[in-house]
Amino acid sequence: MTAITSPTTTSGTLPGTAAHEAASSPDRTPTARHYLMCPPTYFDVVYEINPWMDLGVPVDGARAVRQWERLKAAYEAHGHRVEVIDPVPGLPDMVYAANGGVVAGGRSLAARFTYPERQPEGAAYEAWFAAAGALGVASLGQATEQNEGEGDLLLAGDVMLAGTGFRTSRAAHAEVADLLGVEVLTLELVDPRYYHLDTALAVLDTGTTPATIAYLPEAFSPASQAVLAERYPDAILATPEDAAVLGLNVVSDGRHVFLTDRATGLHDQLRRRGFDPVGVDLSELLKGGGSVKCCTLELRPAATTTTQEAHA
């Protein structure tokens, strides 16, 4: 059964940071993950569609490739499997694979992008999903509604946290709930710097009930802040300083959290909560408005598939 939960005016108090830090640090268990990435072969800033992009700031393409390769190597060194989609000339933002779609329960839904500059990426990712049957991925085609994949759709256990306000539409949330068979919790973004949910909120551990998340309260409407506080009272609250370097744009295997090396305050908070932060320099890709999570789409298997535990 699926349900859409929209932001409400439910009363609630944001949890205090001190209480979070005083919480006991549980033993976190990593699980092996399966990711899709796209090399930044054609990455550049040739248009401006988000506040991070600046045509006056040059991109070092070779450095971007080296940084991306180090992120991929970090995943593999921690026991994770990485698939690579071929980049397409003329699509400089295709490196941000998380936006290409969403995969849950072995079923994939390719994105339908907002801006014309990125719209061809949806077809490219749909074609990859359609050919990925051997990897346990069944393609549901391309979304009908405006939908920017895991940029705005983050699976937190059995709940899909879904962002709206800038890119992904509310109608897309209903489509995802219907096609993927998940409960969808709608969250409204209000700060244009955090135009995708994955820039304002991170899912850290789905082995807890509820899932362990981190987020920047100020990036959300007051109603959505209240919903998050009620559902996730033990969430890590990021500082504006860490969010401003896309510190919340993370990938976590339940223990190891891959994130920018610049979010030093968040690194400290993660350690206090039993996580092992893995700092990665993606400063070139930040120029396009993305970091670790933006470069990574998770290929989640069908529920009948057993996920093996990764090494500590």
C-alpha atoms as a PDB file:
ATOM      1  CA  MET A   1       0.000   0.000   0.000  1.00  0.00           C
ATOM      2  CA  THR A   2       1.311   3.433  -0.856  1.00  0.00           C
ATOM      3  CA  ALA A   3       0.628   6.822   0.617  1.00  0.00           C
ATOM      4  CA  ILE A   4       1.634  10.403  -0.032  1.00  0.00           C
ATOM      5  CA  THR A   5       2.309  12.473   3.051  1.00  0.00           C
ATOM      6  CA  SER A   6       2.468  16.200   2.394  1.00  0.00           C
ATOM      7  CA  PRO A   7       3.977  18.821   4.719  1.00  0.00           C
ATOM      8  CA  THR A   8       1.549  19.814   7.421  1.00  0.00           C
ATOM      9  CA  THR A   9       1.507  22.244  10.300  1.00  0.00           C
ATOM     10  CA  THR A  10       2.019  19.418  12.787  1.00  0.00           C
ATOM     11  CA  SER A  11       3.445  20.860  15.961  1.00  0.00           C
ATOM     12  CA  GLY A  12       6.918  19.819  16.890  1.00  0.00           C
ATOM     13  CA  THR A  13      10.167  21.101  18.272  1.00  0.00           C
ATOM     14  CA  LEU A  14      13.436  20.759  16.449  1.00  0.00           C
ATOM     15  CA  PRO A  15      15.701  18.438  18.431  1.00  0.00           C
ATOM     16  CA  GLY A  16      18.613  20.084  20.180  1.00  0.00           C
ATOM     17  CA  THR A  17      22.126  19.508  18.953  1.00  0.00           C
ATOM     18  CA  ALA A  18      23.398  18.923  22.467  1.00  0.00           C
ATOM     19  CA  ALA A  19      20.978  16.043  22.903  1.00  0.00           C
ATOM     20  CA  HIS A  20      22.252  14.475  19.694  1.00  0.00           C
ATOM     21  CA  GLU A  21      25.866  14.694  20.776  1.00  0.00           C
ATOM     22  CA  ALA A  22      25.047  13.160  24.138  1.00  0.00           C
ATOM     23  CA  ALA A  23      23.417  10.149  22.493  1.00  0.00           C
ATOM     24  CA  SER A  24      25.280   6.891  22.697  1.00  0.00           C
ATOM     25  CA  SER A  25      27.222   5.884  19.590  1.00  0.00           C
ATOM     26  CA  PRO A  26      25.893   2.540  18.343  1.00  0.00           C
ATOM     27  CA  ASP A  27      27.951   0.013  16.448  1.00  0.00           C
ATOM     28  CA  ARG A  28      27.229   0.824  12.815  1.00  0.00           C
ATOM     29  CA  THR A  29      27.169  -2.038  10.331  1.00  0.00           C
ATOM     30  CA  PRO A  30      28.239  -1.385   6.731  1.00  0.00           C
ATOM     31  CA  THR A  31      26.516  -3.212   3.894  1.00  0.00           C
ATOM     32  CA  ALA A  32      27.878  -3.709   0.405  1.00  0.00           C
ATOM     33  CA  ARG A  33      26.200  -1.393  -2.091  1.00  0.00           C
ATOM     34  CA  HIS A  34      25.851  -1.303  -5.870  1.00  0.00           C
ATOM     35  CA  TYR A  35      26.299   2.088  -7.539  1.00  0.00           C
ATOM     36  CA  LEU A  36      26.036   3.659 -10.973  1.00  0.00           C
ATOM     37  CA  MET A  37      28.424   6.481 -11.891  1.00  0.00           C
ATOM     38  CA  CYS A  38      29.246   8.493 -15.007  1.00  0.00           C
ATOM     39  CA  PRO A  39      32.787   9.800 -15.640  1.00  0.00           C
ATOM     40  CA  PRO A  40      33.069  13.590 -16.076  1.00  0.00           C
ATOM     41  CA  THR A  41      34.639  13.254 -19.530  1.00  0.00           C
ATOM     42  CA  TYR A  42      32.611  16.188 -20.858  1.00  0.00           C
ATOM     43  CA  PHE A  43      32.041  18.039 -17.587  1.00  0.00           C
ATOM     44  CA  ASP A  44      32.127  21.824 -17.815  1.00  0.00           C
ATOM     45  CA  VAL A  45      30.058  24.821 -16.755  1.00  0.00           C
ATOM     46  CA  VAL A  46      28.599  26.108 -20.019  1.00  0.00           C
ATOM     47  CA  TYR A  47      25.264  27.363 -18.689  1.00  0.00           C
ATOM     48  CA  GLU A  48      23.855  28.535 -15.372  1.00  0.00           C
ATOM     49  CA  ILE A  49      20.837  26.668 -14.005  1.00  0.00           C
ATOM     50  CA  ASN A  50      21.638  26.734 -10.282  1.00  0.00           C
ATOM     51  CA  PRO A  51      23.286  29.203  -7.875  1.00  0.00           C
ATOM     52  CA  TRP A  52      26.546  27.223  -7.826  1.00  0.00           C
ATOM     53  CA  MET A  53      27.242  27.627 -11.535  1.00  0.00           C
ATOM     54  CA  ASP A  54      29.312  30.612 -12.662  1.00  0.00           C
ATOM     55  CA  LEU A  55      30.362  30.963 -16.284  1.00  0.00           C
ATOM     56  CA  GLY A  56      33.228  33.166 -15.129  1.00  0.00           C
ATOM     57  CA  VAL A  57      34.871  30.381 -13.089  1.00  0.00           C
ATOM     58  CA  PRO A  58      36.882  27.970 -15.266  1.00  0.00           C
ATOM     59  CA  VAL A  59      36.709  24.194 -14.807  1.00  0.00           C
ATOM     60  CA  ASP A  60      39.825  22.021 -14.804  1.00  0.00           C
ATOM     61  CA  GLY A  61      38.466  19.001 -16.665  1.00  0.00           C
ATOM     62  CA  ALA A  62      41.476  16.772 -16.064  1.00  0.00           C
ATOM     63  CA  ARG A  63      41.339  17.478 -12.346  1.00  0.00           C
ATOM     64  CA  ALA A  64      37.617  16.737 -12.296  1.00  0.00           C
ATOM     65  CA  VAL A  65      38.308  13.318 -13.822  1.00  0.00           C
ATOM     66  CA  ARG A  66      41.017  12.576 -11.232  1.00  0.00           C
ATOM     67  CA  GLN A  67      38.732  13.557  -8.362  1.00  0.00           C
ATOM     68  CA  TRP A  68      35.918  11.411  -9.742  1.00  0.00           C
ATOM     69  CA  GLU A  69      38.270   8.447 -10.125  1.00  0.00           C
ATOM     70  CA  ARG A  70      39.346   8.786  -6.496  1.00  0.00           C
ATOM     71  CA  LEU A  71      35.697   8.722  -5.378  1.00  0.00           C
ATOM     72  CA  LYS A  72      35.054   5.575  -7.423  1.00  0.00           C
ATOM     73  CA  ALA A  73      38.204   3.972  -6.007  1.00  0.00           C
ATOM     74  CA  ALA A  74      37.092   4.848  -2.459  1.00  0.00           C
ATOM     75  CA  TYR A  75      33.808   3.017  -2.978  1.00  0.00           C
ATOM     76  CA  GLU A  76      35.558  -0.034  -4.354  1.00  0.00           C
ATOM     77  CA  ALA A  77      38.134  -0.021  -1.558  1.00  0.00           C
ATOM     78  CA  HIS A  78      35.234  -0.310   0.917  1.00  0.00           C
ATOM     79  CA  GLY A  79      33.743  -3.309  -0.852  1.00  0.00           C
ATOM     80  CA  HIS A  80      31.158  -1.607  -3.046  1.00  0.00           C
ATOM     81  CA  ARG A  81      30.431  -2.431  -6.664  1.00  0.00           C
ATOM     82  CA  VAL A  82      30.403   0.365  -9.244  1.00  0.00           C
ATOM     83  CA  GLU A  83      28.844   0.284 -12.700  1.00  0.00           C
ATOM     84  CA  VAL A  84      29.760   2.994 -15.204  1.00  0.00           C
ATOM     85  CA  ILE A  85      27.477   4.535 -17.798  1.00  0.00           C
ATOM     86  CA  ASP A  86      29.129   5.997 -20.898  1.00  0.00           C
ATOM     87  CA  PRO A  87      29.068   9.814 -20.930  1.00  0.00           C
ATOM     88  CA  VAL A  88      27.429  11.544 -23.884  1.00  0.00           C
ATOM     89  CA  PRO A  89      29.060  14.495 -25.670  1.00  0.00           C
ATOM     90  CA  GLY A  90      27.122  17.696 -25.137  1.00  0.00           C
ATOM     91  CA  LEU A  91      25.747  16.603 -21.748  1.00  0.00           C
ATOM     92  CA  PRO A  92      28.238  18.113 -19.265  1.00  0.00           C
ATOM     93  CA  ASP A  93      26.054  17.414 -16.217  1.00  0.00           C
ATOM     94  CA  MET A  94      25.612  13.712 -16.926  1.00  0.00           C
ATOM     95  CA  VAL A  95      28.344  13.114 -14.326  1.00  0.00           C
ATOM     96  CA  TYR A  96      25.664  13.798 -11.709  1.00  0.00           C
ATOM     97  CA  ALA A  97      24.326  10.261 -12.018  1.00  0.00           C
ATOM     98  CA  ALA A  98      22.021  10.531  -9.003  1.00  0.00           C
ATOM     99  CA  ASN A  99      19.751  12.768 -11.068  1.00  0.00           C
ATOM    100  CA  GLY A 100      19.408  10.120 -13.789  1.00  0.00           C
ATOM    101  CA  GLY A 101      16.671   8.182 -12.030  1.00  0.00           C
ATOM    102  CA  VAL A 102      15.779   6.132  -8.983  1.00  0.00           C
ATOM    103  CA  VAL A 103      16.027   2.383  -8.370  1.00  0.00           C
ATOM    104  CA  ALA A 104      14.120   0.635  -5.597  1.00  0.00           C
ATOM    105  CA  GLY A 105      13.252  -3.031  -5.235  1.00  0.00           C
ATOM    106  CA  GLY A 106      15.055  -3.842  -8.468  1.00  0.00           C
ATOM    107  CA  ARG A 107      12.844  -1.461 -10.483  1.00  0.00           C
ATOM    108  CA  SER A 108      14.123   1.697 -12.131  1.00  0.00           C
ATOM    109  CA  LEU A 109      12.405   4.909 -13.160  1.00  0.00           C
ATOM    110  CA  ALA A 110      14.461   7.253 -15.340  1.00  0.00           C
ATOM    111  CA  ALA A 111      14.315  10.991 -14.753  1.00  0.00           C
ATOM    112  CA  ARG A 112      12.449  13.687 -16.643  1.00  0.00           C
ATOM    113  CA  PHE A 113      14.516  16.843 -16.197  1.00  0.00           C
ATOM    114  CA  THR A 114      13.276  20.387 -15.676  1.00  0.00           C
ATOM    115  CA  TYR A 115      15.749  22.373 -17.771  1.00  0.00           C
ATOM    116  CA  PRO A 116      16.136  21.812 -21.533  1.00  0.00           C
ATOM    117  CA  GLU A 117      19.916  21.635 -21.111  1.00  0.00           C
ATOM    118  CA  ARG A 118      19.607  18.416 -19.118  1.00  0.00           C
ATOM    119  CA  GLN A 119      16.518  16.817 -20.634  1.00  0.00           C
ATOM    120  CA  PRO A 120      18.441  14.488 -23.003  1.00  0.00           C
ATOM    121  CA  GLU A 121      20.046  12.857 -19.950  1.00  0.00           C
ATOM    122  CA  GLY A 122      16.713  11.224 -19.110  1.00  0.00           C
ATOM    123  CA  ALA A 123      16.730   9.209 -22.324  1.00  0.00           C
ATOM    124  CA  ALA A 124      20.391   8.257 -21.850  1.00  0.00           C
ATOM    125  CA  TYR A 125      19.749   6.856 -18.380  1.00  0.00           C
ATOM    126  CA  GLU A 126      16.544   5.169 -19.505  1.00  0.00           C
ATOM    127  CA  ALA A 127      18.508   3.347 -22.218  1.00  0.00           C
ATOM    128  CA  TRP A 128      21.073   2.180 -19.648  1.00  0.00           C
ATOM    129  CA  PHE A 129      18.357   0.905 -17.308  1.00  0.00           C
ATOM    130  CA  ALA A 130      16.633  -0.896 -20.182  1.00  0.00           C
ATOM    131  CA  ALA A 131      19.844  -2.806 -20.882  1.00  0.00           C
ATOM    132  CA  ALA A 132      20.587  -3.575 -17.212  1.00  0.00           C
ATOM    133  CA  GLY A 133      18.431  -6.657 -16.810  1.00  0.00           C
ATOM    134  CA  ALA A 134      21.466  -8.809 -16.083  1.00  0.00           C
ATOM    135  CA  LEU A 135      22.175  -6.589 -13.080  1.00  0.00           C
ATOM    136  CA  GLY A 136      18.748  -7.275 -11.596  1.00  0.00           C
ATOM    137  CA  VAL A 137      17.242  -3.964 -12.714  1.00  0.00           C
ATOM    138  CA  ALA A 138      13.824  -3.944 -14.406  1.00  0.00           C
ATOM    139  CA  SER A 139      13.162  -0.700 -16.263  1.00  0.00           C
ATOM    140  CA  LEU A 140       9.830   1.085 -15.814  1.00  0.00           C
ATOM    141  CA  GLY A 141      10.820   3.584 -18.498  1.00  0.00           C
ATOM    142  CA  GLN A 142      11.056   7.321 -18.102  1.00  0.00           C
ATOM    143  CA  ALA A 143       8.966   9.303 -15.646  1.00  0.00           C
ATOM    144  CA  THR A 144       5.938  11.113 -17.023  1.00  0.00           C
ATOM    145  CA  GLU A 145       6.116  13.865 -14.424  1.00  0.00           C
ATOM    146  CA  GLN A 146       8.956  16.312 -13.758  1.00  0.00           C
ATOM    147  CA  ASN A 147      11.340  14.148 -11.751  1.00  0.00           C
ATOM    148  CA  GLU A 148      15.082  14.503 -11.119  1.00  0.00           C
ATOM    149  CA  GLY A 149      15.797  11.080  -9.702  1.00  0.00           C
ATOM    150  CA  GLU A 150      17.742  10.569  -6.511  1.00  0.00           C
ATOM    151  CA  GLY A 151      18.456  14.261  -6.428  1.00  0.00           C
ATOM    152  CA  ASP A 152      14.989  14.579  -4.907  1.00  0.00           C
ATOM    153  CA  LEU A 153      14.089  10.972  -4.048  1.00  0.00           C
ATOM    154  CA  LEU A 154      15.996   9.463  -1.122  1.00  0.00           C
ATOM    155  CA  LEU A 155      14.973   6.039   0.164  1.00  0.00           C
ATOM    156  CA  ALA A 156      15.091   5.935   3.961  1.00  0.00           C
ATOM    157  CA  GLY A 157      14.200   2.367   4.817  1.00  0.00           C
ATOM    158  CA  ASP A 158      10.613   1.807   3.684  1.00  0.00           C
ATOM    159  CA  VAL A 159       9.898   5.529   3.188  1.00  0.00           C
ATOM    160  CA  MET A 160      10.870   7.593   0.155  1.00  0.00           C
ATOM    161  CA  LEU A 161      11.775  11.111   1.253  1.00  0.00           C
ATOM    162  CA  ALA A 162      10.808  13.315  -1.680  1.00  0.00           C
ATOM    163  CA  GLY A 163      11.835  16.909  -2.283  1.00  0.00           C
ATOM    164  CA  THR A 164       9.855  19.524  -4.157  1.00  0.00           C
ATOM    165  CA  GLY A 165       9.970  23.264  -4.636  1.00  0.00           C
ATOM    166  CA  PHE A 166      12.559  23.682  -7.374  1.00  0.00           C
ATOM    167  CA  ARG A 167      12.943  20.616  -9.619  1.00  0.00           C
ATOM    168  CA  THR A 168      10.808  17.540  -8.886  1.00  0.00           C
ATOM    169  CA  SER A 169       7.043  18.141  -8.911  1.00  0.00           C
ATOM    170  CA  ARG A 170       4.518  16.974  -6.347  1.00  0.00           C
ATOM    171  CA  ALA A 171       2.807  15.030  -9.132  1.00  0.00           C
ATOM    172  CA  ALA A 172       6.056  13.076  -9.542  1.00  0.00           C
ATOM    173  CA  HIS A 173       5.825  12.004  -5.912  1.00  0.00           C
ATOM    174  CA  ALA A 174       2.470  10.370  -6.592  1.00  0.00           C
ATOM    175  CA  GLU A 175       3.867   8.693  -9.700  1.00  0.00           C
ATOM    176  CA  VAL A 176       6.815   7.282  -7.749  1.00  0.00           C
ATOM    177  CA  ALA A 177       4.547   5.998  -4.980  1.00  0.00           C
ATOM    178  CA  ASP A 178       2.393   4.212  -7.534  1.00  0.00           C
ATOM    179  CA  LEU A 179       5.145   2.746  -9.721  1.00  0.00           C
ATOM    180  CA  LEU A 180       7.644   1.800  -7.021  1.00  0.00           C
ATOM    181  CA  GLY A 181       5.127   0.848  -4.348  1.00  0.00           C
ATOM    182  CA  VAL A 182       6.586   2.930  -1.540  1.00  0.00           C
ATOM    183  CA  GLU A 183       5.295   5.431   0.987  1.00  0.00           C
ATOM    184  CA  VAL A 184       6.386   8.895  -0.116  1.00  0.00           C
ATOM    185  CA  LEU A 185       6.966  11.717   2.352  1.00  0.00           C
ATOM    186  CA  THR A 186       6.838  15.098   0.601  1.00  0.00           C
ATOM    187  CA  LEU A 187       9.298  17.723   1.850  1.00  0.00           C
ATOM    188  CA  GLU A 188       9.298  21.311   0.600  1.00  0.00           C
ATOM    189  CA  LEU A 189      12.640  22.990  -0.162  1.00  0.00           C
ATOM    190  CA  VAL A 190      12.780  26.791   0.118  1.00  0.00           C
ATOM    191  CA  ASP A 191      16.435  27.825  -0.357  1.00  0.00           C
ATOM    192  CA  PRO A 192      17.563  27.949  -4.024  1.00  0.00           C
ATOM    193  CA  ARG A 193      21.083  26.889  -3.038  1.00  0.00           C
ATOM    194  CA  TYR A 194      19.600  23.578  -1.939  1.00  0.00           C
ATOM    195  CA  TYR A 195      17.480  22.976  -5.011  1.00  0.00           C
ATOM    196  CA  HIS A 196      17.638  19.179  -4.701  1.00  0.00           C
ATOM    197  CA  LEU A 197      16.806  17.216  -1.570  1.00  0.00           C
ATOM    198  CA  ASP A 198      20.201  15.494  -1.621  1.00  0.00           C
ATOM    199  CA  THR A 199      21.907  18.846  -1.033  1.00  0.00           C
ATOM    200  CA  ALA A 200      19.895  19.466   2.151  1.00  0.00           C
ATOM    201  CA  LEU A 201      19.346  15.992   3.621  1.00  0.00           C
ATOM    202  CA  ALA A 202      21.370  12.781   3.879  1.00  0.00           C
ATOM    203  CA  VAL A 203      20.234   9.245   4.674  1.00  0.00           C
ATOM    204  CA  LEU A 204      22.953   7.744   6.868  1.00  0.00           C
ATOM    205  CA  ASP A 205      21.692   4.445   8.283  1.00  0.00           C
ATOM    206  CA  THR A 206      18.581   2.495   7.287  1.00  0.00           C
ATOM    207  CA  GLY A 207      19.326  -0.230   9.838  1.00  0.00           C
ATOM    208  CA  THR A 208      17.746   1.867  12.583  1.00  0.00           C
ATOM    209  CA  THR A 209      14.057   2.605  13.186  1.00  0.00           C
ATOM    210  CA  PRO A 210      13.461   5.255  12.051  1.00  0.00           C
ATOM    211  CA  ALA A 211      16.366   5.644   9.663  1.00  0.00           C
ATOM    212  CA  THR A 212      19.208   7.886  10.799  1.00  0.00           C
ATOM    213  CA  ILE A 213      19.386  11.077   8.754  1.00  0.00           C
ATOM    214  CA  ALA A 214      21.124  14.445   8.761  1.00  0.00           C
ATOM    215  CA  TYR A 215      19.661  17.644   7.403  1.00  0.00           C
ATOM    216  CA  LEU A 216      19.773  21.443   7.366  1.00  0.00           C
ATOM    217  CA  PRO A 217      16.509  22.709   8.904  1.00  0.00           C
ATOM    218  CA  GLU A 218      16.727  26.114   7.229  1.00  0.00           C
ATOM    219  CA  ALA A 219      16.556  24.522   3.784  1.00  0.00           C
ATOM    220  CA  PHE A 220      12.948  23.427   4.418  1.00  0.00           C
ATOM    221  CA  SER A 221       9.629  25.154   4.877  1.00  0.00           C
ATOM    222  CA  PRO A 222       8.425  25.458   8.495  1.00  0.00           C
ATOM    223  CA  ALA A 223       5.828  22.733   7.883  1.00  0.00           C
ATOM    224  CA  SER A 224       8.445  20.333   6.533  1.00  0.00           C
ATOM    225  CA  GLN A 225      10.775  21.148   9.413  1.00  0.00           C
ATOM    226  CA  ALA A 226       8.013  20.097  11.786  1.00  0.00           C
ATOM    227  CA  VAL A 227       7.452  16.829   9.902  1.00  0.00           C
ATOM    228  CA  LEU A 228      11.170  16.006   9.967  1.00  0.00           C
ATOM    229  CA  ALA A 229      11.474  16.821  13.666  1.00  0.00           C
ATOM    230  CA  GLU A 230       8.525  14.565  14.491  1.00  0.00           C
ATOM    231  CA  ARG A 231       9.592  11.625  12.332  1.00  0.00           C
ATOM    232  CA  TYR A 232      13.350  11.856  12.950  1.00  0.00           C
ATOM    233  CA  PRO A 233      13.868  13.243  16.462  1.00  0.00           C
ATOM    234  CA  ASP A 234      17.439  11.896  16.626  1.00  0.00           C
ATOM    235  CA  ALA A 235      18.580  13.335  13.303  1.00  0.00           C
ATOM    236  CA  ILE A 236      21.911  15.095  12.999  1.00  0.00           C
ATOM    237  CA  LEU A 237      21.365  18.806  12.363  1.00  0.00           C
ATOM    238  CA  ALA A 238      23.981  20.167  10.003  1.00  0.00           C
ATOM    239  CA  THR A 239      25.353  23.672  10.359  1.00  0.00           C
ATOM    240  CA  PRO A 240      24.864  26.234   7.589  1.00  0.00           C
ATOM    241  CA  GLU A 241      28.639  26.261   7.133  1.00  0.00           C
ATOM    242  CA  ASP A 242      28.816  22.535   6.379  1.00  0.00           C
ATOM    243  CA  ALA A 243      25.735  22.652   4.158  1.00  0.00           C
ATOM    244  CA  ALA A 244      27.266  25.545   2.204  1.00  0.00           C
ATOM    245  CA  VAL A 245      30.054  23.254   0.937  1.00  0.00           C
ATOM    246  CA  LEU A 246      27.467  20.565   0.082  1.00  0.00           C
ATOM    247  CA  GLY A 247      28.453  18.595   3.155  1.00  0.00           C
ATOM    248  CA  LEU A 248      25.039  16.892   3.185  1.00  0.00           C
ATOM    249  CA  ASN A 249      25.517  15.535  -0.324  1.00  0.00           C
ATOM    250  CA  VAL A 250      26.748  12.197   1.020  1.00  0.00           C
ATOM    251  CA  VAL A 251      26.719   8.472   0.326  1.00  0.00           C
ATOM    252  CA  SER A 252      26.590   6.120   3.288  1.00  0.00           C
ATOM    253  CA  ASP A 253      26.831   2.345   3.564  1.00  0.00           C
ATOM    254  CA  GLY A 254      25.500   2.433   7.107  1.00  0.00           C
ATOM    255  CA  ARG A 255      28.874   3.034   8.688  1.00  0.00           C
ATOM    256  CA  HIS A 256      31.226   4.705   6.207  1.00  0.00           C
ATOM    257  CA  VAL A 257      29.978   8.114   5.085  1.00  0.00           C
ATOM    258  CA  PHE A 258      31.576   9.446   1.905  1.00  0.00           C
ATOM    259  CA  LEU A 259      31.406  13.230   1.796  1.00  0.00           C
ATOM    260  CA  THR A 260      33.373  16.335   0.957  1.00  0.00           C
ATOM    261  CA  ASP A 261      36.539  16.832   2.966  1.00  0.00           C
ATOM    262  CA  ARG A 262      35.510  20.468   3.517  1.00  0.00           C
ATOM    263  CA  ALA A 263      32.573  19.717   5.879  1.00  0.00           C
ATOM    264  CA  THR A 264      34.792  19.291   8.921  1.00  0.00           C
ATOM    265  CA  GLY A 265      32.074  20.050  11.464  1.00  0.00           C
ATOM    266  CA  LEU A 266      29.836  17.369  10.017  1.00  0.00           C
ATOM    267  CA  HIS A 267      32.773  14.923  10.076  1.00  0.00           C
ATOM    268  CA  ASP A 268      32.994  15.494  13.830  1.00  0.00           C
ATOM    269  CA  GLN A 269      29.246  15.030  14.338  1.00  0.00           C
ATOM    270  CA  LEU A 270      29.310  11.798  12.352  1.00  0.00           C
ATOM    271  CA  ARG A 271      32.158  10.375  14.435  1.00  0.00           C
ATOM    272  CA  ARG A 272      30.271  11.149  17.639  1.00  0.00           C
ATOM    273  CA  ARG A 273      27.328   9.160  16.290  1.00  0.00           C
ATOM    274  CA  GLY A 274      29.387   6.086  15.447  1.00  0.00           C
ATOM    275  CA  PHE A 275      30.012   6.723  11.735  1.00  0.00           C
ATOM    276  CA  ASP A 276      33.344   6.716   9.910  1.00  0.00           C
ATOM    277  CA  PRO A 277      33.531   9.750   7.605  1.00  0.00           C
ATOM    278  CA  VAL A 278      35.548   9.310   4.400  1.00  0.00           C
ATOM    279  CA  GLY A 279      36.590  12.723   3.119  1.00  0.00           C
ATOM    280  CA  VAL A 280      36.730  13.220  -0.652  1.00  0.00           C
ATOM    281  CA  ASP A 281      37.855  16.277  -2.621  1.00  0.00           C
ATOM    282  CA  LEU A 282      35.325  17.034  -5.377  1.00  0.00           C
ATOM    283  CA  SER A 283      36.046  20.748  -5.623  1.00  0.00           C
ATOM    284  CA  GLU A 284      35.864  20.799  -9.432  1.00  0.00           C
ATOM    285  CA  LEU A 285      32.492  19.103  -9.552  1.00  0.00           C
ATOM    286  CA  LEU A 286      31.230  21.487  -6.871  1.00  0.00           C
ATOM    287  CA  LYS A 287      31.430  24.189  -9.553  1.00  0.00           C
ATOM    288  CA  GLY A 288      28.447  22.551 -11.242  1.00  0.00           C
ATOM    289  CA  GLY A 289      26.471  22.283  -8.005  1.00  0.00           C
ATOM    290  CA  GLY A 290      27.217  18.686  -7.069  1.00  0.00           C
ATOM    291  CA  SER A 291      29.304  16.576  -4.731  1.00  0.00           C
ATOM    292  CA  VAL A 292      29.527  12.933  -3.662  1.00  0.00           C
ATOM    293  CA  LYS A 293      25.856  11.934  -3.747  1.00  0.00           C
ATOM    294  CA  CYS A 294      25.193  13.813  -6.965  1.00  0.00           C
ATOM    295  CA  CYS A 295      27.789  11.587  -8.635  1.00  0.00           C
ATOM    296  CA  THR A 296      26.264   8.367  -7.310  1.00  0.00           C
ATOM    297  CA  LEU A 297      23.022   6.535  -8.072  1.00  0.00           C
ATOM    298  CA  GLU A 298      22.298   3.452  -5.964  1.00  0.00           C
ATOM    299  CA  LEU A 299      21.108   0.295  -7.725  1.00  0.00           C
ATOM    300  CA  ARG A 300      18.899  -1.276  -5.070  1.00  0.00           C
ATOM    301  CA  PRO A 301      18.053  -4.940  -5.625  1.00  0.00           C
ATOM    302  CA  ALA A 302      14.680  -6.623  -5.349  1.00  0.00           C
ATOM    303  CA  ALA A 303      13.647  -7.378  -1.781  1.00  0.00           C
ATOM    304  CA  THR A 304      14.308 -11.099  -2.271  1.00  0.00           C
ATOM    305  CA  THR A 305      17.988 -10.447  -2.922  1.00  0.00           C
ATOM    306  CA  THR A 306      20.228 -10.741   0.111  1.00  0.00           C
ATOM    307  CA  THR A 307      22.694  -7.889   0.484  1.00  0.00           C
ATOM    308  CA  GLN A 308      26.037  -9.053   1.780  1.00  0.00           C
ATOM    309  CA  GLU A 309      27.728  -7.222   4.590  1.00  0.00           C
ATOM    310  CA  ALA A 310      30.794  -5.206   3.624  1.00  0.00           C
ATOM    311  CA  HIS A 311      34.069  -5.376   5.494  1.00  0.00           C
ATOM    312  CA  ALA A 312      34.535  -2.942   8.360  1.00  0.00           C
END
